[in-house]
C-alpha cells in the first residue's frame, strides 16, 4: 500500500468538534434494501444507537463483530439510507486505502461512552 498524502492542517478547535466514543456492538443485522449495509445496534453506556455500516461485503461473517468494542463518530447528522436511519459512523481502518477494513478498538476494555482524543 502507498500511504495517502497527509490532509490539510486543521485547528485543534476543529478536531475537538469531532465526538469519537467507544461503544459495544450489541447486534449486527441485515438491511434488506442494501447489499452493502449492515445495521449495528451500539451501546454507548447512557444510550444505544443504530449505526449503518458498509461492512456486508467486507467480511465473511459481519456478525463476528457483535459484542466487540469499537470507535464511532457520534456528532454527525442522522442519515437515512436504504430505508433505515444511521445515527453515527463506525470509525474503521483501511477502507479509504482499499485495505481490508478492520475495527478501531481500545487496547483494553473501557466504559462504553469513553471519548477518544
PDB file of N, CA and C in Angstrom:
ATOM      1  N   UNK A   1       0.833  -1.185   0.000  1.00  0.00           N
ATOM      2  CA  UNK A   1       0.000   0.000   0.000  1.00  0.00           C
ATOM      3  C   UNK A   1       0.874   1.242   0.000  1.00  0.00           C
ATOM      4  N   UNK A   2       0.510   2.209  -0.798  1.00  0.00           N
ATOM      5  CA  UNK A   2       1.175   3.508  -0.811  1.00  0.00           C
ATOM      6  C   UNK A   2       0.377   4.450   0.087  1.00  0.00           C
ATOM      7  N   UNK A   3       0.972   4.943   1.191  1.00  0.00           N
ATOM      8  CA  UNK A   3       0.224   5.850   2.065  1.00  0.00           C
ATOM      9  C   UNK A   3      -0.253   7.097   1.318  1.00  0.00           C
ATOM     10  N   UNK A   4      -1.467   7.520   1.633  1.00  0.00           N
ATOM     11  CA  UNK A   4      -2.049   8.723   1.032  1.00  0.00           C
ATOM     12  C   UNK A   4      -1.337   9.953   1.573  1.00  0.00           C
ATOM     13  N   UNK A   5      -1.370  11.050   0.809  1.00  0.00           N
ATOM     14  CA  UNK A   5      -0.798  12.302   1.334  1.00  0.00           C
ATOM     15  C   UNK A   5      -1.552  12.750   2.587  1.00  0.00           C
ATOM     16  N   UNK A   6      -0.841  13.431   3.465  1.00  0.00           N
ATOM     17  CA  UNK A   6      -1.464  13.970   4.669  1.00  0.00           C
ATOM     18  C   UNK A   6      -2.445  15.067   4.269  1.00  0.00           C
ATOM     19  N   UNK A   7      -3.609  15.058   4.888  1.00  0.00           N
ATOM     20  CA  UNK A   7      -4.640  16.055   4.585  1.00  0.00           C
ATOM     21  C   UNK A   7      -4.221  17.426   5.094  1.00  0.00           C
ATOM     22  N   UNK A   8      -4.956  18.451   4.652  1.00  0.00           N
ATOM     23  CA  UNK A   8      -4.682  19.827   5.074  1.00  0.00           C
ATOM     24  C   UNK A   8      -4.746  19.948   6.594  1.00  0.00           C
ATOM     25  N   UNK A   9      -3.940  20.823   7.139  1.00  0.00           N
ATOM     26  CA  UNK A   9      -3.907  21.083   8.571  1.00  0.00           C
ATOM     27  C   UNK A   9      -5.240  21.684   9.010  1.00  0.00           C
ATOM     28  N   UNK A  10      -5.730  21.194  10.157  1.00  0.00           N
ATOM     29  CA  UNK A  10      -6.922  21.790  10.765  1.00  0.00           C
ATOM     30  C   UNK A  10      -6.522  22.301  12.149  1.00  0.00           C
ATOM     31  N   UNK A  11      -7.346  23.157  12.700  1.00  0.00           N
ATOM     32  CA  UNK A  11      -7.051  23.674  14.035  1.00  0.00           C
ATOM     33  C   UNK A  11      -7.428  22.625  15.083  1.00  0.00           C
ATOM     34  N   UNK A  12      -6.833  22.734  16.254  1.00  0.00           N
ATOM     35  CA  UNK A  12      -7.174  21.847  17.361  1.00  0.00           C
ATOM     36  C   UNK A  12      -8.641  22.026  17.727  1.00  0.00           C
ATOM     37  N   UNK A  13      -9.136  23.246  17.612  1.00  0.00           N
ATOM     38  CA  UNK A  13     -10.551  23.519  17.906  1.00  0.00           C
ATOM     39  C   UNK A  13     -11.458  22.736  16.956  1.00  0.00           C
ATOM     40  N   UNK A  14     -11.063  22.643  15.680  1.00  0.00           N
ATOM     41  CA  UNK A  14     -11.856  21.850  14.736  1.00  0.00           C
ATOM     42  C   UNK A  14     -11.823  20.371  15.120  1.00  0.00           C
ATOM     43  N   UNK A  15     -10.656  19.881  15.490  1.00  0.00           N
ATOM     44  CA  UNK A  15     -10.544  18.488  15.911  1.00  0.00           C
ATOM     45  C   UNK A  15     -11.433  18.210  17.127  1.00  0.00           C
ATOM     46  N   UNK A  16     -11.448  19.136  18.079  1.00  0.00           N
ATOM     47  CA  UNK A  16     -12.251  18.941  19.289  1.00  0.00           C
ATOM     48  C   UNK A  16     -13.750  18.863  19.004  1.00  0.00           C
ATOM     49  N   UNK A  17     -14.188  19.321  17.849  1.00  0.00           N
ATOM     50  CA  UNK A  17     -15.609  19.269  17.491  1.00  0.00           C
ATOM     51  C   UNK A  17     -16.062  17.843  17.158  1.00  0.00           C
ATOM     52  N   UNK A  18     -15.123  16.950  16.831  1.00  0.00           N
ATOM     53  CA  UNK A  18     -15.477  15.588  16.452  1.00  0.00           C
ATOM     54  C   UNK A  18     -15.660  14.758  17.722  1.00  0.00           C
ATOM     55  N   UNK A  19     -16.839  14.179  17.886  1.00  0.00           N
ATOM     56  CA  UNK A  19     -17.157  13.383  19.075  1.00  0.00           C
ATOM     57  C   UNK A  19     -16.962  11.905  18.744  1.00  0.00           C
ATOM     58  N   UNK A  20     -15.789  11.372  19.109  1.00  0.00           N
ATOM     59  CA  UNK A  20     -15.449   9.973  18.866  1.00  0.00           C
ATOM     60  C   UNK A  20     -15.540   9.246  20.203  1.00  0.00           C
ATOM     61  N   UNK A  21     -16.374   8.202  20.246  1.00  0.00           N
ATOM     62  CA  UNK A  21     -16.594   7.471  21.501  1.00  0.00           C
ATOM     63  C   UNK A  21     -16.541   5.967  21.287  1.00  0.00           C
ATOM     64  N   UNK A  22     -16.270   5.283  22.378  1.00  0.00           N
ATOM     65  CA  UNK A  22     -16.278   3.823  22.390  1.00  0.00           C
ATOM     66  C   UNK A  22     -17.696   3.343  22.643  1.00  0.00           C
ATOM     67  N   UNK A  23     -18.092   2.330  21.882  1.00  0.00           N
ATOM     68  CA  UNK A  23     -19.370   1.672  22.115  1.00  0.00           C
ATOM     69  C   UNK A  23     -19.220   0.184  21.897  1.00  0.00           C
ATOM     70  N   UNK A  24     -20.089  -0.588  22.528  1.00  0.00           N
ATOM     71  CA  UNK A  24     -20.104  -2.039  22.325  1.00  0.00           C
ATOM     72  C   UNK A  24     -21.189  -2.371  21.315  1.00  0.00           C
ATOM     73  N   UNK A  25     -20.820  -3.116  20.299  1.00  0.00           N
ATOM     74  CA  UNK A  25     -21.754  -3.529  19.254  1.00  0.00           C
ATOM     75  C   UNK A  25     -22.604  -4.669  19.819  1.00  0.00           C
ATOM     76  N   UNK A  26     -23.858  -4.364  20.112  1.00  0.00           N
ATOM     77  CA  UNK A  26     -24.772  -5.331  20.720  1.00  0.00           C
ATOM     78  C   UNK A  26     -25.268  -6.331  19.682  1.00  0.00           C
ATOM     79  N   UNK A  27     -25.624  -5.810  18.501  1.00  0.00           N
ATOM     80  CA  UNK A  27     -26.135  -6.704  17.455  1.00  0.00           C
ATOM     81  C   UNK A  27     -25.789  -6.154  16.081  1.00  0.00           C
ATOM     82  N   UNK A  28     -25.726  -7.067  15.127  1.00  0.00           N
ATOM     83  CA  UNK A  28     -25.487  -6.745  13.719  1.00  0.00           C
ATOM     84  C   UNK A  28     -26.595  -7.425  12.935  1.00  0.00           C
ATOM     85  N   UNK A  29     -27.352  -6.633  12.161  1.00  0.00           N
ATOM     86  CA  UNK A  29     -28.467  -7.214  11.416  1.00  0.00           C
ATOM     87  C   UNK A  29     -28.477  -6.723   9.975  1.00  0.00           C
ATOM     88  N   UNK A  30     -29.174  -7.468   9.137  1.00  0.00           N
ATOM     89  CA  UNK A  30     -29.283  -7.162   7.710  1.00  0.00           C
ATOM     90  C   UNK A  30     -30.086  -5.880   7.490  1.00  0.00           C
ATOM     91  N   UNK A  31     -29.705  -5.138   6.464  1.00  0.00           N
ATOM     92  CA  UNK A  31     -30.519  -4.044   5.938  1.00  0.00           C
ATOM     93  C   UNK A  31     -31.062  -4.574   4.621  1.00  0.00           C
ATOM     94  N   UNK A  32     -32.360  -4.871   4.602  1.00  0.00           N
ATOM     95  CA  UNK A  32     -32.970  -5.586   3.474  1.00  0.00           C
ATOM     96  C   UNK A  32     -32.768  -4.915   2.122  1.00  0.00           C
ATOM     97  N   UNK A  33     -32.801  -3.592   2.090  1.00  0.00           N
ATOM     98  CA  UNK A  33     -32.744  -2.879   0.814  1.00  0.00           C
ATOM     99  C   UNK A  33     -31.322  -2.556   0.376  1.00  0.00           C
ATOM    100  N   UNK A  34     -30.317  -3.195   0.983  1.00  0.00           N
ATOM    101  CA  UNK A  34     -28.923  -2.881   0.653  1.00  0.00           C
ATOM    102  C   UNK A  34     -28.086  -4.152   0.560  1.00  0.00           C
ATOM    103  N   UNK A  35     -27.163  -4.156  -0.406  1.00  0.00           N
ATOM    104  CA  UNK A  35     -26.235  -5.283  -0.485  1.00  0.00           C
ATOM    105  C   UNK A  35     -24.879  -4.927   0.126  1.00  0.00           C
ATOM    106  N   UNK A  36     -24.770  -3.750   0.749  1.00  0.00           N
ATOM    107  CA  UNK A  36     -23.526  -3.329   1.399  1.00  0.00           C
ATOM    108  C   UNK A  36     -23.701  -3.050   2.890  1.00  0.00           C
ATOM    109  N   UNK A  37     -24.856  -2.487   3.260  1.00  0.00           N
ATOM    110  CA  UNK A  37     -25.041  -2.005   4.630  1.00  0.00           C
ATOM    111  C   UNK A  37     -25.490  -3.081   5.605  1.00  0.00           C
ATOM    112  N   UNK A  38     -24.979  -2.964   6.832  1.00  0.00           N
ATOM    113  CA  UNK A  38     -25.464  -3.746   7.970  1.00  0.00           C
ATOM    114  C   UNK A  38     -25.852  -2.740   9.050  1.00  0.00           C
ATOM    115  N   UNK A  39     -26.854  -3.089   9.837  1.00  0.00           N
ATOM    116  CA  UNK A  39     -27.313  -2.226  10.921  1.00  0.00           C
ATOM    117  C   UNK A  39     -26.677  -2.696  12.226  1.00  0.00           C
ATOM    118  N   UNK A  40     -25.914  -1.797  12.845  1.00  0.00           N
ATOM    119  CA  UNK A  40     -25.295  -2.083  14.132  1.00  0.00           C
ATOM    120  C   UNK A  40     -26.115  -1.418  15.225  1.00  0.00           C
ATOM    121  N   UNK A  41     -26.456  -2.154  16.261  1.00  0.00           N
ATOM    122  CA  UNK A  41     -27.048  -1.571  17.454  1.00  0.00           C
ATOM    123  C   UNK A  41     -25.916  -1.477  18.455  1.00  0.00           C
ATOM    124  N   UNK A  42     -25.642  -0.235  18.917  1.00  0.00           N
ATOM    125  CA  UNK A  42     -24.434   0.027  19.697  1.00  0.00           C
ATOM    126  C   UNK A  42     -24.800   0.649  21.043  1.00  0.00           C
ATOM    127  N   UNK A  43     -24.204   0.105  22.105  1.00  0.00           N
ATOM    128  CA  UNK A  43     -24.396   0.596  23.464  1.00  0.00           C
ATOM    129  C   UNK A  43     -23.299   1.607  23.789  1.00  0.00           C
ATOM    130  N   UNK A  44     -23.712   2.848  24.104  1.00  0.00           N
ATOM    131  CA  UNK A  44     -22.769   3.902  24.474  1.00  0.00           C
ATOM    132  C   UNK A  44     -22.843   4.230  25.967  1.00  0.00           C
ATOM    133  N   UNK A  45     -23.315   3.304  26.756  1.00  0.00           N
ATOM    134  CA  UNK A  45     -23.356   3.497  28.209  1.00  0.00           C
ATOM    135  C   UNK A  45     -24.642   4.121  28.684  1.00  0.00           C
ATOM    136  N   UNK A  46     -24.934   5.339  28.224  1.00  0.00           N
ATOM    137  CA  UNK A  46     -26.154   6.019  28.648  1.00  0.00           C
ATOM    138  C   UNK A  46     -27.263   5.938  27.606  1.00  0.00           C
ATOM    139  N   UNK A  47     -26.971   5.375  26.436  1.00  0.00           N
ATOM    140  CA  UNK A  47     -27.973   5.222  25.386  1.00  0.00           C
ATOM    141  C   UNK A  47     -27.455   4.243  24.331  1.00  0.00           C
ATOM    142  N   UNK A  48     -28.379   3.781  23.483  1.00  0.00           N
ATOM    143  CA  UNK A  48     -27.996   2.959  22.338  1.00  0.00           C
ATOM    144  C   UNK A  48     -28.344   3.715  21.064  1.00  0.00           C
ATOM    145  N   UNK A  49     -27.638   3.383  20.001  1.00  0.00           N
ATOM    146  CA  UNK A  49     -27.885   3.987  18.693  1.00  0.00           C
ATOM    147  C   UNK A  49     -27.849   2.919  17.617  1.00  0.00           C
ATOM    148  N   UNK A  50     -28.559   3.225  16.520  1.00  0.00           N
ATOM    149  CA  UNK A  50     -28.474   2.412  15.309  1.00  0.00           C
ATOM    150  C   UNK A  50     -27.495   3.092  14.375  1.00  0.00           C
ATOM    151  N   UNK A  51     -26.489   2.350  13.954  1.00  0.00           N
ATOM    152  CA  UNK A  51     -25.474   2.895  13.060  1.00  0.00           C
ATOM    153  C   UNK A  51     -25.341   1.959  11.872  1.00  0.00           C
ATOM    154  N   UNK A  52     -25.496   2.503  10.684  1.00  0.00           N
ATOM    155  CA  UNK A  52     -25.355   1.720   9.467  1.00  0.00           C
ATOM    156  C   UNK A  52     -23.900   1.747   9.027  1.00  0.00           C
ATOM    157  N   UNK A  53     -23.393   0.578   8.653  1.00  0.00           N
ATOM    158  CA  UNK A  53     -22.001   0.475   8.217  1.00  0.00           C
ATOM    159  C   UNK A  53     -21.935  -0.410   6.972  1.00  0.00           C
ATOM    160  N   UNK A  54     -21.130  -0.016   6.020  1.00  0.00           N
ATOM    161  CA  UNK A  54     -20.986  -0.756   4.766  1.00  0.00           C
ATOM    162  C   UNK A  54     -20.045  -1.932   4.898  1.00  0.00           C
ATOM    163  N   UNK A  55     -20.388  -2.876   5.759  1.00  0.00           N
ATOM    164  CA  UNK A  55     -19.476  -3.985   6.049  1.00  0.00           C
ATOM    165  C   UNK A  55     -19.956  -5.329   5.514  1.00  0.00           C
ATOM    166  N   UNK A  56     -21.092  -5.360   4.850  1.00  0.00           N
ATOM    167  CA  UNK A  56     -21.677  -6.640   4.434  1.00  0.00           C
ATOM    168  C   UNK A  56     -20.750  -7.415   3.500  1.00  0.00           C
ATOM    169  N   UNK A  57     -20.068  -6.721   2.588  1.00  0.00           N
ATOM    170  CA  UNK A  57     -19.201  -7.398   1.626  1.00  0.00           C
ATOM    171  C   UNK A  57     -17.746  -7.418   2.071  1.00  0.00           C
ATOM    172  N   UNK A  58     -17.428  -6.755   3.174  1.00  0.00           N
ATOM    173  CA  UNK A  58     -16.047  -6.691   3.658  1.00  0.00           C
ATOM    174  C   UNK A  58     -15.685  -7.890   4.524  1.00  0.00           C
ATOM    175  N   UNK A  59     -16.666  -8.584   5.031  1.00  0.00           N
ATOM    176  CA  UNK A  59     -16.430  -9.673   5.982  1.00  0.00           C
ATOM    177  C   UNK A  59     -17.205 -10.914   5.568  1.00  0.00           C
ATOM    178  N   UNK A  60     -16.620 -12.074   5.786  1.00  0.00           N
ATOM    179  CA  UNK A  60     -17.338 -13.318   5.521  1.00  0.00           C
ATOM    180  C   UNK A  60     -18.547 -13.433   6.438  1.00  0.00           C
ATOM    181  N   UNK A  61     -18.375 -12.997   7.685  1.00  0.00           N
ATOM    182  CA  UNK A  61     -19.449 -13.059   8.672  1.00  0.00           C
ATOM    183  C   UNK A  61     -19.518 -11.732   9.418  1.00  0.00           C
ATOM    184  N   UNK A  62     -20.334 -10.768   8.952  1.00  0.00           N
ATOM    185  CA  UNK A  62     -20.412  -9.471   9.627  1.00  0.00           C
ATOM    186  C   UNK A  62     -20.806  -9.568  11.106  1.00  0.00           C
ATOM    187  N   UNK A  63     -21.513 -10.632  11.487  1.00  0.00           N
ATOM    188  CA  UNK A  63     -21.926 -10.775  12.890  1.00  0.00           C
ATOM    189  C   UNK A  63     -20.746 -11.059  13.822  1.00  0.00           C
ATOM    190  N   UNK A  64     -19.558 -11.331  13.262  1.00  0.00           N
ATOM    191  CA  UNK A  64     -18.399 -11.628  14.102  1.00  0.00           C
ATOM    192  C   UNK A  64     -17.972 -10.440  14.959  1.00  0.00           C
ATOM    193  N   UNK A  65     -18.472  -9.238  14.642  1.00  0.00           N
ATOM    194  CA  UNK A  65     -18.096  -8.061  15.435  1.00  0.00           C
ATOM    195  C   UNK A  65     -19.073  -7.794  16.586  1.00  0.00           C
ATOM    196  N   UNK A  66     -20.106  -8.626  16.716  1.00  0.00           N
ATOM    197  CA  UNK A  66     -21.017  -8.482  17.853  1.00  0.00           C
ATOM    198  C   UNK A  66     -20.241  -8.648  19.152  1.00  0.00           C
ATOM    199  N   UNK A  67     -20.621  -7.862  20.143  1.00  0.00           N
ATOM    200  CA  UNK A  67     -20.027  -7.876  21.488  1.00  0.00           C
ATOM    201  C   UNK A  67     -18.610  -7.326  21.534  1.00  0.00           C
ATOM    202  N   UNK A  68     -18.165  -6.678  20.459  1.00  0.00           N
ATOM    203  CA  UNK A  68     -16.844  -6.041  20.459  1.00  0.00           C
ATOM    204  C   UNK A  68     -17.006  -4.542  20.665  1.00  0.00           C
ATOM    205  N   UNK A  69     -16.025  -3.958  21.330  1.00  0.00           N
ATOM    206  CA  UNK A  69     -15.984  -2.505  21.449  1.00  0.00           C
ATOM    207  C   UNK A  69     -15.291  -1.936  20.220  1.00  0.00           C
ATOM    208  N   UNK A  70     -15.713  -0.748  19.810  1.00  0.00           N
ATOM    209  CA  UNK A  70     -15.107  -0.069  18.667  1.00  0.00           C
ATOM    210  C   UNK A  70     -15.301   1.432  18.838  1.00  0.00           C
ATOM    211  N   UNK A  71     -14.649   2.186  17.972  1.00  0.00           N
ATOM    212  CA  UNK A  71     -14.794   3.646  17.967  1.00  0.00           C
ATOM    213  C   UNK A  71     -15.853   4.061  16.955  1.00  0.00           C
ATOM    214  N   UNK A  72     -16.622   5.101  17.332  1.00  0.00           N
ATOM    215  CA  UNK A  72     -17.690   5.630  16.485  1.00  0.00           C
ATOM    216  C   UNK A  72     -17.664   7.147  16.540  1.00  0.00           C
ATOM    217  N   UNK A  73     -18.044   7.787  15.427  1.00  0.00           N
ATOM    218  CA  UNK A  73     -18.237   9.239  15.402  1.00  0.00           C
ATOM    219  C   UNK A  73     -19.726   9.461  15.659  1.00  0.00           C
ATOM    220  N   UNK A  74     -20.043  10.237  16.710  1.00  0.00           N
ATOM    221  CA  UNK A  74     -21.441  10.390  17.115  1.00  0.00           C
ATOM    222  C   UNK A  74     -22.097  11.689  16.694  1.00  0.00           C
ATOM    223  N   UNK A  75     -21.339  12.732  16.435  1.00  0.00           N
ATOM    224  CA  UNK A  75     -21.989  14.019  16.195  1.00  0.00           C
ATOM    225  C   UNK A  75     -22.101  14.384  14.718  1.00  0.00           C
ATOM    226  N   UNK A  76     -22.406  13.392  13.909  1.00  0.00           N
ATOM    227  CA  UNK A  76     -22.763  13.633  12.508  1.00  0.00           C
ATOM    228  C   UNK A  76     -24.286  13.704  12.426  1.00  0.00           C
ATOM    229  N   UNK A  77     -24.824  14.415  11.434  1.00  0.00           N
ATOM    230  CA  UNK A  77     -26.291  14.431  11.312  1.00  0.00           C
ATOM    231  C   UNK A  77     -26.818  13.038  10.978  1.00  0.00           C
ATOM    232  N   UNK A  78     -28.007  12.730  11.484  1.00  0.00           N
ATOM    233  CA  UNK A  78     -28.634  11.461  11.122  1.00  0.00           C
ATOM    234  C   UNK A  78     -28.777  11.387   9.613  1.00  0.00           C
ATOM    235  N   UNK A  79     -28.604  10.171   9.083  1.00  0.00           N
ATOM    236  CA  UNK A  79     -28.686   9.993   7.629  1.00  0.00           C
ATOM    237  C   UNK A  79     -29.542   8.775   7.328  1.00  0.00           C
ATOM    238  N   UNK A  80     -30.510   8.956   6.422  1.00  0.00           N
ATOM    239  CA  UNK A  80     -31.374   7.862   6.021  1.00  0.00           C
ATOM    240  C   UNK A  80     -30.761   7.182   4.800  1.00  0.00           C
ATOM    241  N   UNK A  81     -30.582   5.869   4.913  1.00  0.00           N
ATOM    242  CA  UNK A  81     -30.023   5.074   3.819  1.00  0.00           C
ATOM    243  C   UNK A  81     -30.789   3.762   3.735  1.00  0.00           C
ATOM    244  N   UNK A  82     -31.179   3.387   2.542  1.00  0.00           N
ATOM    245  CA  UNK A  82     -31.859   2.107   2.299  1.00  0.00           C
ATOM    246  C   UNK A  82     -33.041   1.905   3.248  1.00  0.00           C
ATOM    247  N   UNK A  83     -33.761   2.987   3.532  1.00  0.00           N
ATOM    248  CA  UNK A  83     -34.945   2.905   4.376  1.00  0.00           C
ATOM    249  C   UNK A  83     -34.675   2.863   5.871  1.00  0.00           C
ATOM    250  N   UNK A  84     -33.427   2.974   6.286  1.00  0.00           N
ATOM    251  CA  UNK A  84     -33.041   2.949   7.699  1.00  0.00           C
ATOM    252  C   UNK A  84     -32.339   4.261   8.045  1.00  0.00           C
ATOM    253  N   UNK A  85     -32.293   4.607   9.330  1.00  0.00           N
ATOM    254  CA  UNK A  85     -31.629   5.826   9.779  1.00  0.00           C
ATOM    255  C   UNK A  85     -30.348   5.453  10.515  1.00  0.00           C
ATOM    256  N   UNK A  86     -29.251   6.114  10.133  1.00  0.00           N
ATOM    257  CA  UNK A  86     -27.977   5.929  10.811  1.00  0.00           C
ATOM    258  C   UNK A  86     -27.733   7.118  11.728  1.00  0.00           C
ATOM    259  N   UNK A  87     -27.354   6.822  12.980  1.00  0.00           N
ATOM    260  CA  UNK A  87     -27.153   7.856  13.996  1.00  0.00           C
ATOM    261  C   UNK A  87     -25.676   8.008  14.357  1.00  0.00           C
ATOM    262  N   UNK A  88     -24.808   7.852  13.395  1.00  0.00           N
ATOM    263  CA  UNK A  88     -23.376   7.984  13.619  1.00  0.00           C
ATOM    264  C   UNK A  88     -22.613   7.217  12.565  1.00  0.00           C
ATOM    265  N   UNK A  89     -21.313   7.043  12.809  1.00  0.00           N
ATOM    266  CA  UNK A  89     -20.467   6.369  11.829  1.00  0.00           C
ATOM    267  C   UNK A  89     -19.461   5.472  12.542  1.00  0.00           C
ATOM    268  N   UNK A  90     -19.327   4.256  12.046  1.00  0.00           N
ATOM    269  CA  UNK A  90     -18.283   3.357  12.520  1.00  0.00           C
ATOM    270  C   UNK A  90     -16.940   3.926  12.088  1.00  0.00           C
ATOM    271  N   UNK A  91     -16.006   4.011  13.009  1.00  0.00           N
ATOM    272  CA  UNK A  91     -14.677   4.565  12.759  1.00  0.00           C
ATOM    273  C   UNK A  91     -13.749   3.372  12.514  1.00  0.00           C
ATOM    274  N   UNK A  92     -13.706   2.900  11.238  1.00  0.00           N
ATOM    275  CA  UNK A  92     -12.858   1.751  10.968  1.00  0.00           C
ATOM    276  C   UNK A  92     -11.590   2.167  10.222  1.00  0.00           C
ATOM    277  N   UNK A  93     -10.714   1.214  10.037  1.00  0.00           N
ATOM    278  CA  UNK A  93      -9.400   1.479   9.453  1.00  0.00           C
ATOM    279  C   UNK A  93      -9.265   0.692   8.157  1.00  0.00           C
ATOM    280  N   UNK A  94      -8.768   1.338   7.114  1.00  0.00           N
ATOM    281  CA  UNK A  94      -8.397   0.631   5.904  1.00  0.00           C
ATOM    282  C   UNK A  94      -9.249   0.878   4.686  1.00  0.00           C
ATOM    283  N   UNK A  95     -10.545   1.149   4.849  1.00  0.00           N
ATOM    284  CA  UNK A  95     -11.449   1.261   3.702  1.00  0.00           C
ATOM    285  C   UNK A  95     -10.963   2.293   2.688  1.00  0.00           C
ATOM    286  N   UNK A  96     -10.598   3.488   3.145  1.00  0.00           N
ATOM    287  CA  UNK A  96     -10.195   4.562   2.233  1.00  0.00           C
ATOM    288  C   UNK A  96      -8.936   4.205   1.447  1.00  0.00           C
ATOM    289  N   UNK A  97      -8.124   3.286   1.977  1.00  0.00           N
ATOM    290  CA  UNK A  97      -6.885   2.889   1.315  1.00  0.00           C
ATOM    291  C   UNK A  97      -7.004   1.558   0.588  1.00  0.00           C
ATOM    292  N   UNK A  98      -8.242   1.067   0.463  1.00  0.00           N
ATOM    293  CA  UNK A  98      -8.504  -0.194  -0.219  1.00  0.00           C
ATOM    294  C   UNK A  98      -7.768  -1.375   0.429  1.00  0.00           C
ATOM    295  N   UNK A  99      -7.612  -1.270   1.751  1.00  0.00           N
ATOM    296  CA  UNK A  99      -7.071  -2.353   2.568  1.00  0.00           C
ATOM    297  C   UNK A  99      -8.270  -2.998   3.253  1.00  0.00           C
ATOM    298  N   UNK A 100      -8.243  -4.297   3.464  1.00  0.00           N
ATOM    299  CA  UNK A 100      -9.360  -4.947   4.145  1.00  0.00           C
ATOM    300  C   UNK A 100      -9.625  -4.228   5.464  1.00  0.00           C
ATOM    301  N   UNK A 101     -10.790  -3.619   5.605  1.00  0.00           N
ATOM    302  CA  UNK A 101     -11.079  -2.832   6.804  1.00  0.00           C
ATOM    303  C   UNK A 101     -11.102  -3.653   8.081  1.00  0.00           C
ATOM    304  N   UNK A 102     -10.735  -2.994   9.169  1.00  0.00           N
ATOM    305  CA  UNK A 102     -10.804  -3.598  10.499  1.00  0.00           C
ATOM    306  C   UNK A 102     -11.297  -2.536  11.470  1.00  0.00           C
ATOM    307  N   UNK A 103     -11.778  -2.988  12.605  1.00  0.00           N
ATOM    308  CA  UNK A 103     -12.289  -2.076  13.623  1.00  0.00           C
ATOM    309  C   UNK A 103     -11.153  -1.325  14.299  1.00  0.00           C
ATOM    310  N   UNK A 104     -11.417  -0.075  14.653  1.00  0.00           N
ATOM    311  CA  UNK A 104     -10.538   0.680  15.542  1.00  0.00           C
ATOM    312  C   UNK A 104     -11.048   0.396  16.942  1.00  0.00           C
ATOM    313  N   UNK A 105     -10.258  -0.349  17.727  1.00  0.00           N
ATOM    314  CA  UNK A 105     -10.728  -0.823  19.026  1.00  0.00           C
ATOM    315  C   UNK A 105      -9.796  -0.378  20.149  1.00  0.00           C
ATOM    316  N   UNK A 106     -10.341  -0.252  21.367  1.00  0.00           N
ATOM    317  CA  UNK A 106      -9.465   0.059  22.503  1.00  0.00           C
ATOM    318  C   UNK A 106      -8.561  -1.128  22.814  1.00  0.00           C
ATOM    319  N   UNK A 107      -7.398  -0.830  23.342  1.00  0.00           N
ATOM    320  CA  UNK A 107      -6.418  -1.860  23.703  1.00  0.00           C
ATOM    321  C   UNK A 107      -6.934  -2.776  24.815  1.00  0.00           C
ATOM    322  N   UNK A 108      -7.659  -2.191  25.749  1.00  0.00           N
ATOM    323  CA  UNK A 108      -8.271  -2.937  26.849  1.00  0.00           C
ATOM    324  C   UNK A 108      -9.721  -2.473  26.958  1.00  0.00           C
ATOM    325  N   UNK A 109     -10.606  -3.264  27.548  1.00  0.00           N
ATOM    326  CA  UNK A 109     -11.991  -2.810  27.698  1.00  0.00           C
ATOM    327  C   UNK A 109     -12.053  -1.492  28.496  1.00  0.00           C
ATOM    328  N   UNK A 110     -12.899  -0.590  28.039  1.00  0.00           N
ATOM    329  CA  UNK A 110     -13.133   0.685  28.717  1.00  0.00           C
ATOM    330  C   UNK A 110     -14.633   0.890  28.827  1.00  0.00           C
ATOM    331  N   UNK A 111     -15.100   1.788  29.691  1.00  0.00           N
ATOM    332  CA  UNK A 111     -16.534   2.015  29.792  1.00  0.00           C
ATOM    333  C   UNK A 111     -17.113   2.523  28.463  1.00  0.00           C
ATOM    334  N   UNK A 112     -18.277   1.989  28.087  1.00  0.00           N
ATOM    335  CA  UNK A 112     -18.956   2.486  26.887  1.00  0.00           C
ATOM    336  C   UNK A 112     -19.221   3.983  27.060  1.00  0.00           C
ATOM    337  N   UNK A 113     -19.018   4.737  26.000  1.00  0.00           N
ATOM    338  CA  UNK A 113     -19.200   6.177  26.030  1.00  0.00           C
ATOM    339  C   UNK A 113     -17.895   6.926  26.265  1.00  0.00           C
ATOM    340  N   UNK A 114     -16.801   6.205  26.572  1.00  0.00           N
ATOM    341  CA  UNK A 114     -15.500   6.871  26.757  1.00  0.00           C
ATOM    342  C   UNK A 114     -15.121   7.585  25.469  1.00  0.00           C
ATOM    343  N   UNK A 115     -14.607   8.808  25.613  1.00  0.00           N
ATOM    344  CA  UNK A 115     -14.271   9.634  24.461  1.00  0.00           C
ATOM    345  C   UNK A 115     -12.825   9.432  24.033  1.00  0.00           C
ATOM    346  N   UNK A 116     -12.603   9.500  22.730  1.00  0.00           N
ATOM    347  CA  UNK A 116     -11.254   9.458  22.156  1.00  0.00           C
ATOM    348  C   UNK A 116     -10.775  10.888  21.938  1.00  0.00           C
ATOM    349  N   UNK A 117      -9.482  11.053  21.979  1.00  0.00           N
ATOM    350  CA  UNK A 117      -8.931  12.376  21.680  1.00  0.00           C
ATOM    351  C   UNK A 117      -8.125  12.934  22.814  1.00  0.00           C
TER     352      UNK A 117
END
